[in-house]
Amino acid sequence: MNMISRALAAVILLTAAALWFWFKALPEHLFRYVLKRRYPLPGTPAYGRVEAKAVQAEPRLWIDTMPYEEVGVMSHDGLALKGWFLPANRTAGQDSEKDAGTSVSAATMILAHGYSGHPRQISNIARVLYEQSGYNILMPCSRGCGFSQGDYIGFGWLDRLDYHLWIDWVKERTVANGPVTIILYGISMGGATVLMTAGEGLPPEVKAVIEDCGYTSVYDELLHQMKLHYHIQNEKLMKRVSNVCKRRAGYSFEEASTLDQVKKITAPVLFIHGDADTFVPFKMGPALYAACAAPKELYVVRGASHGEACTSDPEEYRRRITQFLRKYSL
């Protein structure tokens, strides 16, 4: 009898442990793994070491050679958000960049980086957009990323409110130089960010939106990542992780819907997606395009994987963006 009692107790304990792991520990672990910031917090020794290593890296990235300014705004919930501002290339159209970054224009492109990213992550794209454009470039660090404060990554949903602050910052900085023109550009998580931002309603100074390989919703993307990396798609588990995110970061995966935001956009939008993208599945690009009622174009880059549309053919990428902007006299 004692043996049976001990066996039954062991079963109960194992069952309780399994339930605790499934309902409590695993969702908490997945939340921290996916949403906790990867880059050291500003002001810490680890942050200083990472930044020093990045600056000293060989070969240096294009953005590290340019005369950008470190700028910042304060979020509605008290986070110090930082970014790099590069005044316009007034030698646009010439081979030399010796006078680049010497004069602020009234026209600015705000560039949103990808997941757990940093302005250096999109240095090559920034260069393509900067050269010959005559636009200033603003490259914010999203909350929880790079040198902006925040314990958790916003996946575009929390960032959409932050980017409205950056829009206001640009307007104040450039209004003295003529009629203000702002273009939003984002890649991957940044693509979702600028679409979510535009769905909140844009001031008239924001003339167009360009997104590259953004996802339809945080829920859709993370469920896809679960299948991609762990070969399962358990919606009940995903909902539990979403509940943890709601408690700790202030938003659920379900509410963070790029697809719903796109339906409210009124500015022209250029959607870009590589048809070989399996990280943010290619089907998400046409789905976002179809949901958008604003003036729009879809640029499908043949053979390009995730985030590689620009590097696969920089000249065509530049041409398609330039063509889109010229269509609206930008």
C-alpha atoms as a PDB file:
ATOM      1  CA  MET A   1       0.000   0.000   0.000  1.00  0.00           C
ATOM      2  CA  ASN A   2       2.815   2.346   0.836  1.00  0.00           C
ATOM      3  CA  MET A   3       4.355   1.645  -2.542  1.00  0.00           C
ATOM      4  CA  ILE A   4       1.079   2.497  -4.272  1.00  0.00           C
ATOM      5  CA  SER A   5       0.773   5.687  -2.235  1.00  0.00           C
ATOM      6  CA  ARG A   6       4.309   6.730  -3.107  1.00  0.00           C
ATOM      7  CA  ALA A   7       3.721   6.002  -6.795  1.00  0.00           C
ATOM      8  CA  LEU A   8       0.483   7.987  -6.747  1.00  0.00           C
ATOM      9  CA  ALA A   9       2.211  10.887  -5.002  1.00  0.00           C
ATOM     10  CA  ALA A  10       4.992  10.800  -7.585  1.00  0.00           C
ATOM     11  CA  VAL A  11       2.444  10.896 -10.413  1.00  0.00           C
ATOM     12  CA  ILE A  12       0.649  13.830  -8.814  1.00  0.00           C
ATOM     13  CA  LEU A  13       3.917  15.714  -8.334  1.00  0.00           C
ATOM     14  CA  LEU A  14       5.040  15.050 -11.897  1.00  0.00           C
ATOM     15  CA  THR A  15       1.652  16.106 -13.228  1.00  0.00           C
ATOM     16  CA  ALA A  16       1.730  19.290 -11.155  1.00  0.00           C
ATOM     17  CA  ALA A  17       5.268  20.030 -12.335  1.00  0.00           C
ATOM     18  CA  ALA A  18       4.289  19.449 -15.967  1.00  0.00           C
ATOM     19  CA  LEU A  19       1.243  21.689 -15.620  1.00  0.00           C
ATOM     20  CA  TRP A  20       3.325  24.408 -13.947  1.00  0.00           C
ATOM     21  CA  PHE A  21       5.897  24.194 -16.732  1.00  0.00           C
ATOM     22  CA  TRP A  22       3.278  24.255 -19.514  1.00  0.00           C
ATOM     23  CA  PHE A  23       1.029  26.960 -18.111  1.00  0.00           C
ATOM     24  CA  LYS A  24       3.511  29.162 -16.242  1.00  0.00           C
ATOM     25  CA  ALA A  25       7.231  28.545 -16.798  1.00  0.00           C
ATOM     26  CA  LEU A  26       7.250  27.944 -20.564  1.00  0.00           C
ATOM     27  CA  PRO A  27       5.158  31.022 -21.505  1.00  0.00           C
ATOM     28  CA  GLU A  28       7.338  33.181 -19.231  1.00  0.00           C
ATOM     29  CA  HIS A  29      10.511  31.734 -20.756  1.00  0.00           C
ATOM     30  CA  LEU A  30       9.292  32.262 -24.333  1.00  0.00           C
ATOM     31  CA  PHE A  31       8.222  35.822 -23.543  1.00  0.00           C
ATOM     32  CA  ARG A  32      11.660  36.695 -22.170  1.00  0.00           C
ATOM     33  CA  TYR A  33      13.423  34.921 -25.028  1.00  0.00           C
ATOM     34  CA  VAL A  34      11.481  36.773 -27.719  1.00  0.00           C
ATOM     35  CA  LEU A  35      10.782  40.186 -26.228  1.00  0.00           C
ATOM     36  CA  LYS A  36      13.518  41.007 -23.726  1.00  0.00           C
ATOM     37  CA  ARG A  37      16.084  43.416 -25.106  1.00  0.00           C
ATOM     38  CA  ARG A  38      19.248  41.844 -26.531  1.00  0.00           C
ATOM     39  CA  TYR A  39      21.426  44.955 -26.697  1.00  0.00           C
ATOM     40  CA  PRO A  40      22.898  46.130 -23.350  1.00  0.00           C
ATOM     41  CA  LEU A  41      21.139  49.035 -21.677  1.00  0.00           C
ATOM     42  CA  PRO A  42      22.662  52.488 -22.293  1.00  0.00           C
ATOM     43  CA  GLY A  43      24.984  53.649 -19.553  1.00  0.00           C
ATOM     44  CA  THR A  44      26.182  50.181 -18.592  1.00  0.00           C
ATOM     45  CA  PRO A  45      29.785  48.967 -19.049  1.00  0.00           C
ATOM     46  CA  ALA A  46      28.515  46.232 -21.365  1.00  0.00           C
ATOM     47  CA  TYR A  47      26.868  48.844 -23.589  1.00  0.00           C
ATOM     48  CA  GLY A  48      30.122  50.804 -23.808  1.00  0.00           C
ATOM     49  CA  ARG A  49      32.041  47.702 -24.822  1.00  0.00           C
ATOM     50  CA  VAL A  50      29.515  46.749 -27.507  1.00  0.00           C
ATOM     51  CA  GLU A  51      29.447  50.263 -28.971  1.00  0.00           C
ATOM     52  CA  ALA A  52      33.252  50.524 -28.965  1.00  0.00           C
ATOM     53  CA  LYS A  53      33.559  47.167 -30.691  1.00  0.00           C
ATOM     54  CA  ALA A  54      31.006  48.180 -33.336  1.00  0.00           C
ATOM     55  CA  VAL A  55      32.754  51.482 -34.092  1.00  0.00           C
ATOM     56  CA  GLN A  56      36.181  49.807 -34.333  1.00  0.00           C
ATOM     57  CA  ALA A  57      34.947  46.965 -36.531  1.00  0.00           C
ATOM     58  CA  GLU A  58      36.654  46.462 -39.872  1.00  0.00           C
ATOM     59  CA  PRO A  59      35.467  47.106 -42.449  1.00  0.00           C
ATOM     60  CA  ARG A  60      33.594  50.101 -41.071  1.00  0.00           C
ATOM     61  CA  LEU A  61      30.001  50.504 -42.153  1.00  0.00           C
ATOM     62  CA  TRP A  62      28.936  53.441 -44.301  1.00  0.00           C
ATOM     63  CA  ILE A  63      26.961  55.087 -41.500  1.00  0.00           C
ATOM     64  CA  ASP A  64      30.048  55.066 -39.248  1.00  0.00           C
ATOM     65  CA  THR A  65      31.837  57.271 -41.781  1.00  0.00           C
ATOM     66  CA  MET A  66      29.071  59.879 -41.965  1.00  0.00           C
ATOM     67  CA  PRO A  67      28.613  63.058 -39.855  1.00  0.00           C
ATOM     68  CA  TYR A  68      25.387  62.049 -38.108  1.00  0.00           C
ATOM     69  CA  GLU A  69      24.072  63.682 -34.934  1.00  0.00           C
ATOM     70  CA  GLU A  70      22.841  61.765 -31.897  1.00  0.00           C
ATOM     71  CA  VAL A  71      19.306  62.988 -31.127  1.00  0.00           C
ATOM     72  CA  GLY A  72      16.481  61.925 -28.844  1.00  0.00           C
ATOM     73  CA  VAL A  73      12.853  62.135 -27.739  1.00  0.00           C
ATOM     74  CA  MET A  74      11.046  61.056 -24.564  1.00  0.00           C
ATOM     75  CA  SER A  75       8.301  58.459 -24.951  1.00  0.00           C
ATOM     76  CA  HIS A  76       4.839  58.851 -23.427  1.00  0.00           C
ATOM     77  CA  ASP A  77       5.829  56.308 -20.743  1.00  0.00           C
ATOM     78  CA  GLY A  78       9.114  57.968 -19.830  1.00  0.00           C
ATOM     79  CA  LEU A  79      11.702  56.120 -21.952  1.00  0.00           C
ATOM     80  CA  ALA A  80      14.635  58.024 -23.441  1.00  0.00           C
ATOM     81  CA  LEU A  81      14.582  57.100 -27.143  1.00  0.00           C
ATOM     82  CA  LYS A  82      17.660  57.838 -29.233  1.00  0.00           C
ATOM     83  CA  GLY A  83      18.450  58.059 -32.906  1.00  0.00           C
ATOM     84  CA  TRP A  84      20.921  59.246 -35.509  1.00  0.00           C
ATOM     85  CA  PHE A  85      20.120  62.236 -37.724  1.00  0.00           C
ATOM     86  CA  LEU A  86      22.091  62.747 -40.923  1.00  0.00           C
ATOM     87  CA  PRO A  87      21.528  66.100 -42.691  1.00  0.00           C
ATOM     88  CA  ALA A  88      20.884  65.951 -46.417  1.00  0.00           C
ATOM     89  CA  ASN A  89      23.519  65.235 -49.018  1.00  0.00           C
ATOM     90  CA  ARG A  90      23.673  68.561 -50.845  1.00  0.00           C
ATOM     91  CA  THR A  91      26.014  67.034 -53.435  1.00  0.00           C
ATOM     92  CA  ALA A  92      23.262  64.582 -54.451  1.00  0.00           C
ATOM     93  CA  GLY A  93      23.744  63.336 -57.977  1.00  0.00           C
ATOM     94  CA  GLN A  94      27.530  63.761 -57.867  1.00  0.00           C
ATOM     95  CA  ASP A  95      30.185  61.144 -57.184  1.00  0.00           C
ATOM     96  CA  SER A  96      31.805  63.034 -54.333  1.00  0.00           C
ATOM     97  CA  GLU A  97      30.337  63.050 -50.829  1.00  0.00           C
ATOM     98  CA  LYS A  98      32.764  65.613 -49.459  1.00  0.00           C
ATOM     99  CA  ASP A  99      29.942  68.079 -48.694  1.00  0.00           C
ATOM    100  CA  ALA A 100      27.451  65.458 -47.517  1.00  0.00           C
ATOM    101  CA  GLY A 101      25.715  66.112 -44.250  1.00  0.00           C
ATOM    102  CA  THR A 102      26.407  69.841 -44.234  1.00  0.00           C
ATOM    103  CA  SER A 103      22.910  71.258 -44.718  1.00  0.00           C
ATOM    104  CA  VAL A 104      19.530  70.345 -43.259  1.00  0.00           C
ATOM    105  CA  SER A 105      16.770  69.926 -45.844  1.00  0.00           C
ATOM    106  CA  ALA A 106      13.015  70.306 -45.317  1.00  0.00           C
ATOM    107  CA  ALA A 107      12.618  66.721 -46.602  1.00  0.00           C
ATOM    108  CA  THR A 108      13.415  63.763 -44.336  1.00  0.00           C
ATOM    109  CA  MET A 109      13.215  59.993 -44.498  1.00  0.00           C
ATOM    110  CA  ILE A 110      12.606  58.254 -41.163  1.00  0.00           C
ATOM    111  CA  LEU A 111      14.041  54.730 -41.290  1.00  0.00           C
ATOM    112  CA  ALA A 112      12.809  51.956 -38.973  1.00  0.00           C
ATOM    113  CA  HIS A 113      15.155  49.007 -38.367  1.00  0.00           C
ATOM    114  CA  GLY A 114      14.274  45.356 -37.813  1.00  0.00           C
ATOM    115  CA  TYR A 115      13.886  43.077 -34.790  1.00  0.00           C
ATOM    116  CA  SER A 116      16.284  43.784 -31.933  1.00  0.00           C
ATOM    117  CA  GLY A 117      18.122  46.060 -34.336  1.00  0.00           C
ATOM    118  CA  HIS A 118      20.227  49.212 -34.443  1.00  0.00           C
ATOM    119  CA  PRO A 119      20.817  51.929 -37.072  1.00  0.00           C
ATOM    120  CA  ARG A 120      23.946  50.077 -38.188  1.00  0.00           C
ATOM    121  CA  GLN A 121      21.732  47.139 -39.146  1.00  0.00           C
ATOM    122  CA  ILE A 122      20.299  49.171 -42.027  1.00  0.00           C
ATOM    123  CA  SER A 123      23.427  51.073 -43.017  1.00  0.00           C
ATOM    124  CA  ASN A 124      23.410  49.735 -46.594  1.00  0.00           C
ATOM    125  CA  ILE A 125      19.760  50.631 -47.099  1.00  0.00           C
ATOM    126  CA  ALA A 126      20.312  54.061 -45.561  1.00  0.00           C
ATOM    127  CA  ARG A 127      23.084  54.654 -48.057  1.00  0.00           C
ATOM    128  CA  VAL A 128      20.885  53.684 -51.011  1.00  0.00           C
ATOM    129  CA  LEU A 129      18.112  56.001 -49.824  1.00  0.00           C
ATOM    130  CA  TYR A 130      20.459  58.842 -48.881  1.00  0.00           C
ATOM    131  CA  GLU A 131      22.607  59.107 -51.976  1.00  0.00           C
ATOM    132  CA  GLN A 132      21.130  61.269 -54.726  1.00  0.00           C
ATOM    133  CA  SER A 133      17.911  61.869 -52.759  1.00  0.00           C
ATOM    134  CA  GLY A 134      18.516  65.250 -51.158  1.00  0.00           C
ATOM    135  CA  TYR A 135      16.681  63.998 -48.048  1.00  0.00           C
ATOM    136  CA  ASN A 136      17.825  64.084 -44.448  1.00  0.00           C
ATOM    137  CA  ILE A 137      17.939  60.646 -42.865  1.00  0.00           C
ATOM    138  CA  LEU A 138      16.664  59.958 -39.335  1.00  0.00           C
ATOM    139  CA  MET A 139      17.405  56.486 -37.964  1.00  0.00           C
ATOM    140  CA  PRO A 140      15.713  55.982 -34.583  1.00  0.00           C
ATOM    141  CA  CYS A 141      16.485  53.086 -32.264  1.00  0.00           C
ATOM    142  CA  SER A 142      13.188  51.485 -31.329  1.00  0.00           C
ATOM    143  CA  ARG A 143      12.419  50.990 -27.634  1.00  0.00           C
ATOM    144  CA  GLY A 144      14.239  48.024 -26.139  1.00  0.00           C
ATOM    145  CA  CYS A 145      16.783  48.158 -28.958  1.00  0.00           C
ATOM    146  CA  GLY A 146      20.206  49.716 -29.480  1.00  0.00           C
ATOM    147  CA  PHE A 147      20.791  52.794 -27.359  1.00  0.00           C
ATOM    148  CA  SER A 148      17.124  53.521 -26.615  1.00  0.00           C
ATOM    149  CA  GLN A 149      15.775  52.617 -23.214  1.00  0.00           C
ATOM    150  CA  GLY A 150      13.155  49.939 -22.607  1.00  0.00           C
ATOM    151  CA  ASP A 151      13.247  46.424 -21.240  1.00  0.00           C
ATOM    152  CA  TYR A 152      11.033  44.903 -23.930  1.00  0.00           C
ATOM    153  CA  ILE A 153      10.801  45.033 -27.708  1.00  0.00           C
ATOM    154  CA  GLY A 154       7.610  46.670 -28.993  1.00  0.00           C
ATOM    155  CA  PHE A 155       7.351  44.750 -32.300  1.00  0.00           C
ATOM    156  CA  GLY A 156       6.023  47.935 -33.916  1.00  0.00           C
ATOM    157  CA  TRP A 157       2.905  48.182 -31.774  1.00  0.00           C
ATOM    158  CA  LEU A 158       4.377  50.222 -28.931  1.00  0.00           C
ATOM    159  CA  ASP A 159       6.742  51.865 -31.415  1.00  0.00           C
ATOM    160  CA  ARG A 160       3.893  53.275 -33.505  1.00  0.00           C
ATOM    161  CA  LEU A 161       3.296  55.914 -30.825  1.00  0.00           C
ATOM    162  CA  ASP A 162       7.031  56.578 -30.485  1.00  0.00           C
ATOM    163  CA  TYR A 163       7.375  57.199 -34.213  1.00  0.00           C
ATOM    164  CA  HIS A 164       4.704  59.890 -34.045  1.00  0.00           C
ATOM    165  CA  LEU A 165       7.013  61.633 -31.570  1.00  0.00           C
ATOM    166  CA  TRP A 166       9.875  61.294 -34.052  1.00  0.00           C
ATOM    167  CA  ILE A 167       7.635  62.794 -36.751  1.00  0.00           C
ATOM    168  CA  ASP A 168       6.986  65.770 -34.474  1.00  0.00           C
ATOM    169  CA  TRP A 169      10.729  66.061 -33.818  1.00  0.00           C
ATOM    170  CA  VAL A 170      11.478  66.187 -37.546  1.00  0.00           C
ATOM    171  CA  LYS A 171       8.811  68.823 -38.127  1.00  0.00           C
ATOM    172  CA  GLU A 172      10.315  71.062 -35.436  1.00  0.00           C
ATOM    173  CA  ARG A 173      13.860  70.489 -36.685  1.00  0.00           C
ATOM    174  CA  THR A 174      13.218  71.130 -40.381  1.00  0.00           C
ATOM    175  CA  VAL A 175      10.316  73.602 -40.565  1.00  0.00           C
ATOM    176  CA  ALA A 176      12.664  76.576 -40.955  1.00  0.00           C
ATOM    177  CA  ASN A 177      13.999  75.120 -44.225  1.00  0.00           C
ATOM    178  CA  GLY A 178      10.763  75.171 -46.194  1.00  0.00           C
ATOM    179  CA  PRO A 179       7.591  73.063 -46.486  1.00  0.00           C
ATOM    180  CA  VAL A 180       8.214  69.924 -44.429  1.00  0.00           C
ATOM    181  CA  THR A 181       8.137  66.596 -46.260  1.00  0.00           C
ATOM    182  CA  ILE A 182       8.507  63.274 -44.427  1.00  0.00           C
ATOM    183  CA  ILE A 183       8.717  59.748 -45.837  1.00  0.00           C
ATOM    184  CA  LEU A 184       8.445  56.713 -43.547  1.00  0.00           C
ATOM    185  CA  TYR A 185      10.522  53.677 -44.458  1.00  0.00           C
ATOM    186  CA  GLY A 186      10.867  50.405 -42.546  1.00  0.00           C
ATOM    187  CA  ILE A 187      12.226  46.905 -43.036  1.00  0.00           C
ATOM    188  CA  SER A 188      11.016  43.682 -41.362  1.00  0.00           C
ATOM    189  CA  MET A 189       9.816  44.691 -37.884  1.00  0.00           C
ATOM    190  CA  GLY A 190      10.459  48.239 -39.082  1.00  0.00           C
ATOM    191  CA  GLY A 191       8.123  47.641 -42.030  1.00  0.00           C
ATOM    192  CA  ALA A 192       5.361  46.664 -39.623  1.00  0.00           C
ATOM    193  CA  THR A 193       6.297  49.654 -37.452  1.00  0.00           C
ATOM    194  CA  VAL A 194       5.798  52.272 -40.162  1.00  0.00           C
ATOM    195  CA  LEU A 195       2.523  50.674 -41.295  1.00  0.00           C
ATOM    196  CA  MET A 196       1.238  50.583 -37.717  1.00  0.00           C
ATOM    197  CA  THR A 197       2.366  54.202 -37.312  1.00  0.00           C
ATOM    198  CA  ALA A 198       0.548  55.261 -40.473  1.00  0.00           C
ATOM    199  CA  GLY A 199      -2.601  53.496 -39.303  1.00  0.00           C
ATOM    200  CA  GLU A 200      -2.820  55.866 -36.338  1.00  0.00           C
ATOM    201  CA  GLY A 201      -3.341  58.781 -38.686  1.00  0.00           C
ATOM    202  CA  LEU A 202      -0.523  60.851 -40.107  1.00  0.00           C
ATOM    203  CA  PRO A 203      -0.005  64.622 -40.147  1.00  0.00           C
ATOM    204  CA  PRO A 204      -0.079  66.147 -43.653  1.00  0.00           C
ATOM    205  CA  GLU A 205       3.716  66.507 -43.651  1.00  0.00           C
ATOM    206  CA  VAL A 206       4.068  62.696 -43.970  1.00  0.00           C
ATOM    207  CA  LYS A 207       3.616  62.174 -47.689  1.00  0.00           C
ATOM    208  CA  ALA A 208       4.274  58.451 -48.227  1.00  0.00           C
ATOM    209  CA  VAL A 209       5.166  55.133 -46.597  1.00  0.00           C
ATOM    210  CA  ILE A 210       7.611  52.493 -47.853  1.00  0.00           C
ATOM    211  CA  GLU A 211       7.659  49.103 -46.157  1.00  0.00           C
ATOM    212  CA  ASP A 212       9.903  46.136 -46.888  1.00  0.00           C
ATOM    213  CA  CYS A 213       8.968  42.599 -45.713  1.00  0.00           C
ATOM    214  CA  GLY A 214       6.732  43.544 -42.790  1.00  0.00           C
ATOM    215  CA  TYR A 215       4.409  41.016 -41.132  1.00  0.00           C
ATOM    216  CA  THR A 216       0.597  40.960 -40.971  1.00  0.00           C
ATOM    217  CA  SER A 217       0.515  40.844 -37.162  1.00  0.00           C
ATOM    218  CA  VAL A 218       2.788  40.033 -34.250  1.00  0.00           C
ATOM    219  CA  TYR A 219       0.616  36.990 -33.509  1.00  0.00           C
ATOM    220  CA  ASP A 220       0.876  35.668 -37.085  1.00  0.00           C
ATOM    221  CA  GLU A 221       4.635  36.180 -37.208  1.00  0.00           C
ATOM    222  CA  LEU A 222       5.434  34.606 -33.848  1.00  0.00           C
ATOM    223  CA  LEU A 223       3.165  31.642 -34.567  1.00  0.00           C
ATOM    224  CA  HIS A 224       5.076  31.201 -37.829  1.00  0.00           C
ATOM    225  CA  GLN A 225       8.396  31.451 -35.973  1.00  0.00           C
ATOM    226  CA  MET A 226       7.221  28.758 -33.560  1.00  0.00           C
ATOM    227  CA  LYS A 227       6.694  26.428 -36.502  1.00  0.00           C
ATOM    228  CA  LEU A 228       9.917  27.511 -38.227  1.00  0.00           C
ATOM    229  CA  HIS A 229      12.178  26.937 -35.224  1.00  0.00           C
ATOM    230  CA  TYR A 230      10.325  24.379 -33.079  1.00  0.00           C
ATOM    231  CA  HIS A 231       8.215  22.587 -35.734  1.00  0.00           C
ATOM    232  CA  ILE A 232       4.990  23.133 -33.800  1.00  0.00           C
ATOM    233  CA  GLN A 233       2.117  25.627 -34.062  1.00  0.00           C
ATOM    234  CA  ASN A 234       0.356  25.589 -30.729  1.00  0.00           C
ATOM    235  CA  GLU A 235      -2.102  28.473 -30.592  1.00  0.00           C
ATOM    236  CA  LYS A 236      -2.990  27.857 -26.956  1.00  0.00           C
ATOM    237  CA  LEU A 237       0.658  28.223 -25.971  1.00  0.00           C
ATOM    238  CA  MET A 238       0.985  31.344 -28.127  1.00  0.00           C
ATOM    239  CA  LYS A 239      -2.042  32.892 -26.426  1.00  0.00           C
ATOM    240  CA  ARG A 240      -0.456  32.215 -23.024  1.00  0.00           C
ATOM    241  CA  VAL A 241       2.745  33.954 -24.128  1.00  0.00           C
ATOM    242  CA  SER A 242       0.587  36.800 -25.426  1.00  0.00           C
ATOM    243  CA  ASN A 243      -1.059  37.099 -22.011  1.00  0.00           C
ATOM    244  CA  VAL A 244       2.378  37.362 -20.387  1.00  0.00           C
ATOM    245  CA  CYS A 245       3.262  40.099 -22.876  1.00  0.00           C
ATOM    246  CA  LYS A 246       0.083  41.975 -21.993  1.00  0.00           C
ATOM    247  CA  ARG A 247       0.974  41.892 -18.292  1.00  0.00           C
ATOM    248  CA  ARG A 248       4.641  42.760 -18.636  1.00  0.00           C
ATOM    249  CA  ALA A 249       4.948  44.875 -21.794  1.00  0.00           C
ATOM    250  CA  GLY A 250       1.455  46.328 -22.024  1.00  0.00           C
ATOM    251  CA  TYR A 251       0.192  44.798 -25.268  1.00  0.00           C
ATOM    252  CA  SER A 252      -1.060  41.483 -26.595  1.00  0.00           C
ATOM    253  CA  PHE A 253       0.102  39.832 -29.796  1.00  0.00           C
ATOM    254  CA  GLU A 254      -3.469  39.764 -31.111  1.00  0.00           C
ATOM    255  CA  GLU A 255      -4.040  43.517 -30.827  1.00  0.00           C
ATOM    256  CA  ALA A 256      -0.741  44.276 -32.588  1.00  0.00           C
ATOM    257  CA  SER A 257      -2.229  43.813 -36.054  1.00  0.00           C
ATOM    258  CA  THR A 258      -0.503  45.443 -38.989  1.00  0.00           C
ATOM    259  CA  LEU A 259      -3.335  44.195 -41.206  1.00  0.00           C
ATOM    260  CA  ASP A 260      -5.917  46.164 -39.242  1.00  0.00           C
ATOM    261  CA  GLN A 261      -3.723  49.278 -39.224  1.00  0.00           C
ATOM    262  CA  VAL A 262      -3.157  49.133 -42.984  1.00  0.00           C
ATOM    263  CA  LYS A 263      -6.903  49.430 -43.588  1.00  0.00           C
ATOM    264  CA  LYS A 264      -6.824  52.911 -42.023  1.00  0.00           C
ATOM    265  CA  ILE A 265      -3.868  54.338 -43.994  1.00  0.00           C
ATOM    266  CA  THR A 266      -4.570  57.201 -46.392  1.00  0.00           C
ATOM    267  CA  ALA A 267      -1.031  58.092 -47.574  1.00  0.00           C
ATOM    268  CA  PRO A 268       0.465  56.297 -50.610  1.00  0.00           C
ATOM    269  CA  VAL A 269       2.243  53.052 -49.707  1.00  0.00           C
ATOM    270  CA  LEU A 270       4.935  51.060 -51.513  1.00  0.00           C
ATOM    271  CA  PHE A 271       4.962  47.424 -50.381  1.00  0.00           C
ATOM    272  CA  ILE A 272       8.184  45.456 -51.006  1.00  0.00           C
ATOM    273  CA  HIS A 273       8.688  41.741 -50.394  1.00  0.00           C
ATOM    274  CA  GLY A 274      11.097  39.081 -51.644  1.00  0.00           C
ATOM    275  CA  ASP A 275       9.288  36.046 -53.032  1.00  0.00           C
ATOM    276  CA  ALA A 276      11.882  33.716 -51.430  1.00  0.00           C
ATOM    277  CA  ASP A 277      11.251  35.100 -47.938  1.00  0.00           C
ATOM    278  CA  THR A 278      10.476  32.301 -45.490  1.00  0.00           C
ATOM    279  CA  PHE A 279      11.222  34.260 -42.281  1.00  0.00           C
ATOM    280  CA  VAL A 280       8.346  36.675 -42.804  1.00  0.00           C
ATOM    281  CA  PRO A 281       6.445  34.542 -45.325  1.00  0.00           C
ATOM    282  CA  PHE A 282       6.054  36.120 -48.745  1.00  0.00           C
ATOM    283  CA  LYS A 283       2.263  35.712 -48.589  1.00  0.00           C
ATOM    284  CA  MET A 284       2.145  38.395 -45.885  1.00  0.00           C
ATOM    285  CA  GLY A 285       3.306  41.074 -48.354  1.00  0.00           C
ATOM    286  CA  PRO A 286       0.438  40.639 -50.850  1.00  0.00           C
ATOM    287  CA  ALA A 287      -2.003  40.269 -47.919  1.00  0.00           C
ATOM    288  CA  LEU A 288      -0.999  43.680 -46.558  1.00  0.00           C
ATOM    289  CA  TYR A 289      -1.152  45.169 -50.056  1.00  0.00           C
ATOM    290  CA  ALA A 290      -4.657  43.775 -50.613  1.00  0.00           C
ATOM    291  CA  ALA A 291      -5.913  45.188 -47.307  1.00  0.00           C
ATOM    292  CA  CYS A 292      -4.696  48.711 -48.052  1.00  0.00           C
ATOM    293  CA  ALA A 293      -7.279  51.091 -49.514  1.00  0.00           C
ATOM    294  CA  ALA A 294      -4.810  53.965 -50.023  1.00  0.00           C
ATOM    295  CA  PRO A 295      -2.890  54.566 -53.275  1.00  0.00           C
ATOM    296  CA  LYS A 296      -0.422  51.673 -53.368  1.00  0.00           C
ATOM    297  CA  GLU A 297       2.145  49.657 -55.287  1.00  0.00           C
ATOM    298  CA  LEU A 298       3.581  46.179 -54.753  1.00  0.00           C
ATOM    299  CA  TYR A 299       7.210  45.507 -55.691  1.00  0.00           C
ATOM    300  CA  VAL A 300       7.970  41.771 -55.637  1.00  0.00           C
ATOM    301  CA  VAL A 301      11.698  41.059 -55.686  1.00  0.00           C
ATOM    302  CA  ARG A 302      12.288  37.728 -57.394  1.00  0.00           C
ATOM    303  CA  GLY A 303      14.568  35.334 -55.520  1.00  0.00           C
ATOM    304  CA  ALA A 304      15.143  37.661 -52.565  1.00  0.00           C
ATOM    305  CA  SER A 305      15.050  36.169 -49.066  1.00  0.00           C
ATOM    306  CA  HIS A 306      14.174  38.064 -45.895  1.00  0.00           C
ATOM    307  CA  GLY A 307      15.569  41.595 -45.832  1.00  0.00           C
ATOM    308  CA  GLU A 308      17.628  40.975 -48.976  1.00  0.00           C
ATOM    309  CA  ALA A 309      15.534  42.877 -51.513  1.00  0.00           C
ATOM    310  CA  CYS A 310      17.884  45.871 -51.410  1.00  0.00           C
ATOM    311  CA  THR A 311      21.184  43.986 -51.443  1.00  0.00           C
ATOM    312  CA  SER A 312      20.055  41.649 -54.217  1.00  0.00           C
ATOM    313  CA  ASP A 313      19.788  44.582 -56.656  1.00  0.00           C
ATOM    314  CA  PRO A 314      20.525  47.994 -55.086  1.00  0.00           C
ATOM    315  CA  GLU A 315      20.117  49.933 -58.324  1.00  0.00           C
ATOM    316  CA  GLU A 316      16.693  48.481 -59.105  1.00  0.00           C
ATOM    317  CA  TYR A 317      15.644  48.949 -55.488  1.00  0.00           C
ATOM    318  CA  ARG A 318      16.656  52.604 -55.669  1.00  0.00           C
ATOM    319  CA  ARG A 319      14.948  53.015 -59.045  1.00  0.00           C
ATOM    320  CA  ARG A 320      11.637  51.564 -57.856  1.00  0.00           C
ATOM    321  CA  ILE A 321      11.592  53.741 -54.751  1.00  0.00           C
ATOM    322  CA  THR A 322      12.560  56.855 -56.742  1.00  0.00           C
ATOM    323  CA  GLN A 323       9.872  56.063 -59.314  1.00  0.00           C
ATOM    324  CA  PHE A 324       7.277  55.674 -56.555  1.00  0.00           C
ATOM    325  CA  LEU A 325       8.194  58.966 -54.902  1.00  0.00           C
ATOM    326  CA  ARG A 326       8.285  60.874 -58.186  1.00  0.00           C
ATOM    327  CA  LYS A 327       4.783  59.627 -58.939  1.00  0.00           C
ATOM    328  CA  TYR A 328       3.641  61.755 -56.016  1.00  0.00           C
ATOM    329  CA  SER A 329       6.064  64.621 -56.761  1.00  0.00           C
ATOM    330  CA  LEU A 330       8.278  63.775 -53.792  1.00  0.00           C
END
